[in-house]
Amino acid sequence: LTANHTCWYPLAEALAGTCRLIAYDLRGLLDHFGVERAIIMGHSLGAGLGVWFAAHHGERVARLILIDGGLDVRAEVFDSIAPAVSRLGIEFPSLEGFLAVLQTLPMFAGRWNAHLERYFTYDVEPAPPGGVVSKVPRPAIEEEVANMQRTRLWPLHHRIVAPTLLLRAPGGL
């Protein structure tokens, strides 16, 4: 929900030179780039959007890759994303302080790296008088959470004709 395109940098580095990659934050259009047919890959909310796109524009989808998403969202998932949503609008005293808080989260224990630092640095903007705050507007995310709670993806699954790969993190969030 609050992710940005920089989460794809590690994958882009791994695939560099093998194919054309376009990463966007819910704003990209294949038409803008002159792409008729593409491999569509989405993570979390992006996977749900991939399901919707593949169900409604199947002729444009060569393959579909869904990472930790694309299925109806279970109630416990909403509980687990609550901390990410609750940080929105909160001012942190500095970028360094913000990053230090994130590094203490159990999901990043022993896993913090330059990719995560770049990702979370991109996520914030300066706030007076010198702190940082997330660029993500909390009302927009709250509206999207409400949409996810009432939207059912399973009726769309039978409309997808593209070969589809489902990836799920076995360790949870």
Protein backbone atom coordinates (compact mmCIF):
# COMPACT_ATOMS: atom_id res chain seq x y z
CA LEU A 1 0.00 0.00 0.00
CA THR A 2 2.70 2.50 0.89
CA ALA A 3 5.42 1.03 -1.32
CA ASN A 4 7.21 2.92 -4.08
CA HIS A 5 9.01 1.94 -7.27
CA THR A 6 12.43 1.75 -5.61
CA CYS A 7 11.50 -1.64 -4.12
CA TRP A 8 12.22 -3.07 -7.58
CA TYR A 9 15.85 -1.84 -7.79
CA PRO A 10 17.40 -5.14 -6.58
CA LEU A 11 15.44 -7.08 -9.20
CA ALA A 12 16.31 -4.52 -11.87
CA GLU A 13 20.01 -4.93 -11.04
CA ALA A 14 19.70 -8.71 -11.30
CA LEU A 15 17.92 -8.51 -14.67
CA ALA A 16 19.96 -5.63 -16.11
CA GLY A 17 20.55 -6.01 -19.82
CA THR A 18 18.20 -8.98 -20.25
CA CYS A 19 14.92 -7.13 -20.82
CA ARG A 20 13.28 -3.72 -20.71
CA LEU A 21 12.02 -2.90 -17.21
CA ILE A 22 9.45 -0.25 -16.32
CA ALA A 23 8.73 0.37 -12.64
CA TYR A 24 5.98 2.74 -11.60
CA ASP A 25 3.99 3.84 -8.56
CA LEU A 26 0.40 3.17 -9.72
CA ARG A 27 0.78 5.79 -12.41
CA GLY A 28 2.40 4.05 -15.36
CA LEU A 29 0.73 3.25 -18.64
CA LEU A 30 1.91 0.73 -21.21
CA ASP A 31 0.56 3.01 -23.94
CA HIS A 32 2.83 5.82 -22.81
CA PHE A 33 5.85 3.58 -23.40
CA GLY A 34 4.54 2.05 -26.62
CA VAL A 35 4.32 -1.44 -25.11
CA GLU A 36 1.61 -3.63 -26.67
CA ARG A 37 2.14 -6.73 -24.53
CA ALA A 38 4.14 -7.14 -21.33
CA ILE A 39 5.02 -9.35 -18.43
CA ILE A 40 3.06 -7.78 -15.59
CA MET A 41 4.51 -8.20 -12.11
CA GLY A 42 3.03 -6.82 -8.94
CA HIS A 43 3.67 -7.05 -5.24
CA SER A 44 0.92 -6.89 -2.61
CA LEU A 45 -1.59 -4.27 -3.77
CA GLY A 46 0.25 -4.25 -7.11
CA ALA A 47 -0.49 -7.98 -7.46
CA GLY A 48 -4.19 -7.24 -7.02
CA LEU A 49 -3.93 -4.58 -9.69
CA GLY A 50 -2.16 -7.12 -11.91
CA VAL A 51 -5.08 -9.53 -11.48
CA TRP A 52 -7.55 -6.78 -12.39
CA PHE A 53 -5.49 -5.73 -15.43
CA ALA A 54 -5.01 -9.30 -16.66
CA ALA A 55 -8.72 -10.05 -16.26
CA HIS A 56 -9.79 -6.92 -18.16
CA HIS A 57 -6.94 -6.57 -20.69
CA GLY A 58 -5.71 -10.13 -21.14
CA GLU A 59 -4.51 -9.45 -24.69
CA ARG A 60 -1.88 -7.09 -23.22
CA VAL A 61 -0.49 -9.58 -20.68
CA ALA A 62 2.14 -12.07 -21.88
CA ARG A 63 2.73 -13.43 -18.37
CA LEU A 64 1.59 -12.48 -14.90
CA ILE A 65 3.75 -12.61 -11.77
CA LEU A 66 2.01 -12.08 -8.44
CA ILE A 67 4.17 -11.58 -5.34
CA ASP A 68 2.44 -11.85 -1.95
CA GLY A 69 -0.88 -10.76 -3.39
CA GLY A 70 -3.48 -11.21 -6.07
CA LEU A 71 -5.83 -13.10 -3.78
CA ASP A 72 -8.56 -11.78 -1.53
CA VAL A 73 -6.97 -10.17 1.52
CA ARG A 74 -7.44 -11.98 4.83
CA ALA A 75 -8.29 -10.02 7.99
CA GLU A 76 -4.91 -10.77 9.63
CA VAL A 77 -3.13 -9.07 6.73
CA PHE A 78 -4.91 -5.82 7.54
CA ASP A 79 -3.69 -6.18 11.14
CA SER A 80 -0.13 -6.73 9.95
CA ILE A 81 -0.07 -3.63 7.71
CA ALA A 82 -1.43 -1.38 10.47
CA PRO A 83 2.08 -0.24 11.59
CA ALA A 84 2.96 0.85 8.03
CA VAL A 85 -0.24 2.87 7.82
CA SER A 86 0.08 4.30 11.34
CA ARG A 87 3.47 5.91 10.56
CA LEU A 88 1.91 8.02 7.81
CA GLY A 89 1.71 11.67 8.78
CA ILE A 90 4.08 11.24 11.74
CA GLU A 91 7.08 13.50 11.67
CA PHE A 92 10.43 11.97 12.56
CA PRO A 93 13.15 14.30 13.87
CA SER A 94 15.60 13.35 11.09
CA LEU A 95 16.15 10.95 8.22
CA GLU A 96 18.79 9.18 10.29
CA GLY A 97 16.33 8.79 13.19
CA PHE A 98 13.64 7.45 10.85
CA LEU A 99 16.02 4.90 9.35
CA ALA A 100 17.26 3.91 12.81
CA VAL A 101 13.70 3.14 13.94
CA LEU A 102 13.11 0.99 10.87
CA GLN A 103 16.33 -0.95 11.40
CA THR A 104 15.04 -2.07 14.81
CA LEU A 105 11.91 -3.71 13.38
CA PRO A 106 11.97 -7.51 13.67
CA MET A 107 11.32 -7.98 9.92
CA PHE A 108 14.63 -6.24 9.15
CA ALA A 109 16.75 -7.91 11.85
CA GLY A 110 19.98 -8.97 10.17
CA ARG A 111 18.58 -7.97 6.77
CA TRP A 112 19.14 -4.21 6.59
CA ASN A 113 21.03 -3.26 3.44
CA ALA A 114 21.63 -0.45 0.94
CA HIS A 115 18.48 -1.35 -1.03
CA LEU A 116 16.28 -0.90 2.05
CA GLU A 117 18.03 2.33 2.95
CA ARG A 118 17.43 3.72 -0.57
CA TYR A 119 13.81 2.54 -0.53
CA PHE A 120 12.95 4.17 2.80
CA THR A 121 14.95 7.31 2.06
CA TYR A 122 12.84 7.78 -1.08
CA ASP A 123 9.71 7.30 1.02
CA VAL A 124 10.13 10.51 3.03
CA GLU A 125 10.34 14.22 2.36
CA PRO A 126 11.57 17.13 4.47
CA ALA A 127 9.17 18.53 7.04
CA PRO A 128 9.63 21.77 8.92
CA PRO A 129 11.57 22.35 11.12
CA GLY A 130 14.06 19.81 9.79
CA GLY A 131 12.44 16.44 10.29
CA VAL A 132 11.03 14.03 7.73
CA VAL A 133 7.55 12.70 7.00
CA SER A 134 6.30 10.05 4.57
CA LYS A 135 5.34 11.27 1.10
CA VAL A 136 2.37 8.91 1.16
CA PRO A 137 -0.93 10.66 1.94
CA ARG A 138 -2.64 8.81 4.80
CA PRO A 139 -6.22 9.51 3.58
CA ALA A 140 -5.46 7.91 0.20
CA ILE A 141 -4.10 4.76 1.87
CA GLU A 142 -7.03 4.57 4.29
CA GLU A 143 -9.38 4.80 1.30
CA GLU A 144 -7.46 2.02 -0.48
CA VAL A 145 -7.60 -0.21 2.62
CA ALA A 146 -11.38 0.27 2.66
CA ASN A 147 -11.50 -0.61 -1.06
CA MET A 148 -9.44 -3.75 -0.44
CA GLN A 149 -11.77 -4.83 2.37
CA ARG A 150 -14.80 -4.76 0.07
CA THR A 151 -13.21 -5.89 -3.23
CA ARG A 152 -13.15 -9.56 -4.15
CA LEU A 153 -10.51 -10.71 -6.64
CA TRP A 154 -11.46 -14.38 -6.83
CA PRO A 155 -14.23 -13.80 -9.42
CA LEU A 156 -11.55 -12.36 -11.74
CA HIS A 157 -9.17 -15.32 -11.51
CA HIS A 158 -11.06 -17.45 -14.05
CA ARG A 159 -10.79 -14.63 -16.62
CA ILE A 160 -6.97 -14.63 -16.60
CA VAL A 161 -5.54 -16.46 -19.61
CA ALA A 162 -1.86 -15.53 -19.23
CA PRO A 163 0.54 -18.02 -17.64
CA THR A 164 0.74 -16.92 -14.01
CA LEU A 165 3.42 -17.38 -11.38
CA LEU A 166 2.46 -16.95 -7.72
CA LEU A 167 5.23 -16.14 -5.24
CA ARG A 168 4.62 -16.03 -1.50
CA ALA A 169 7.08 -15.17 1.25
CA PRO A 170 7.08 -18.26 3.51
CA GLY A 171 8.14 -16.25 6.57
CA GLY A 172 5.21 -13.86 6.40
CA LEU A 173 5.68 -10.13 6.71
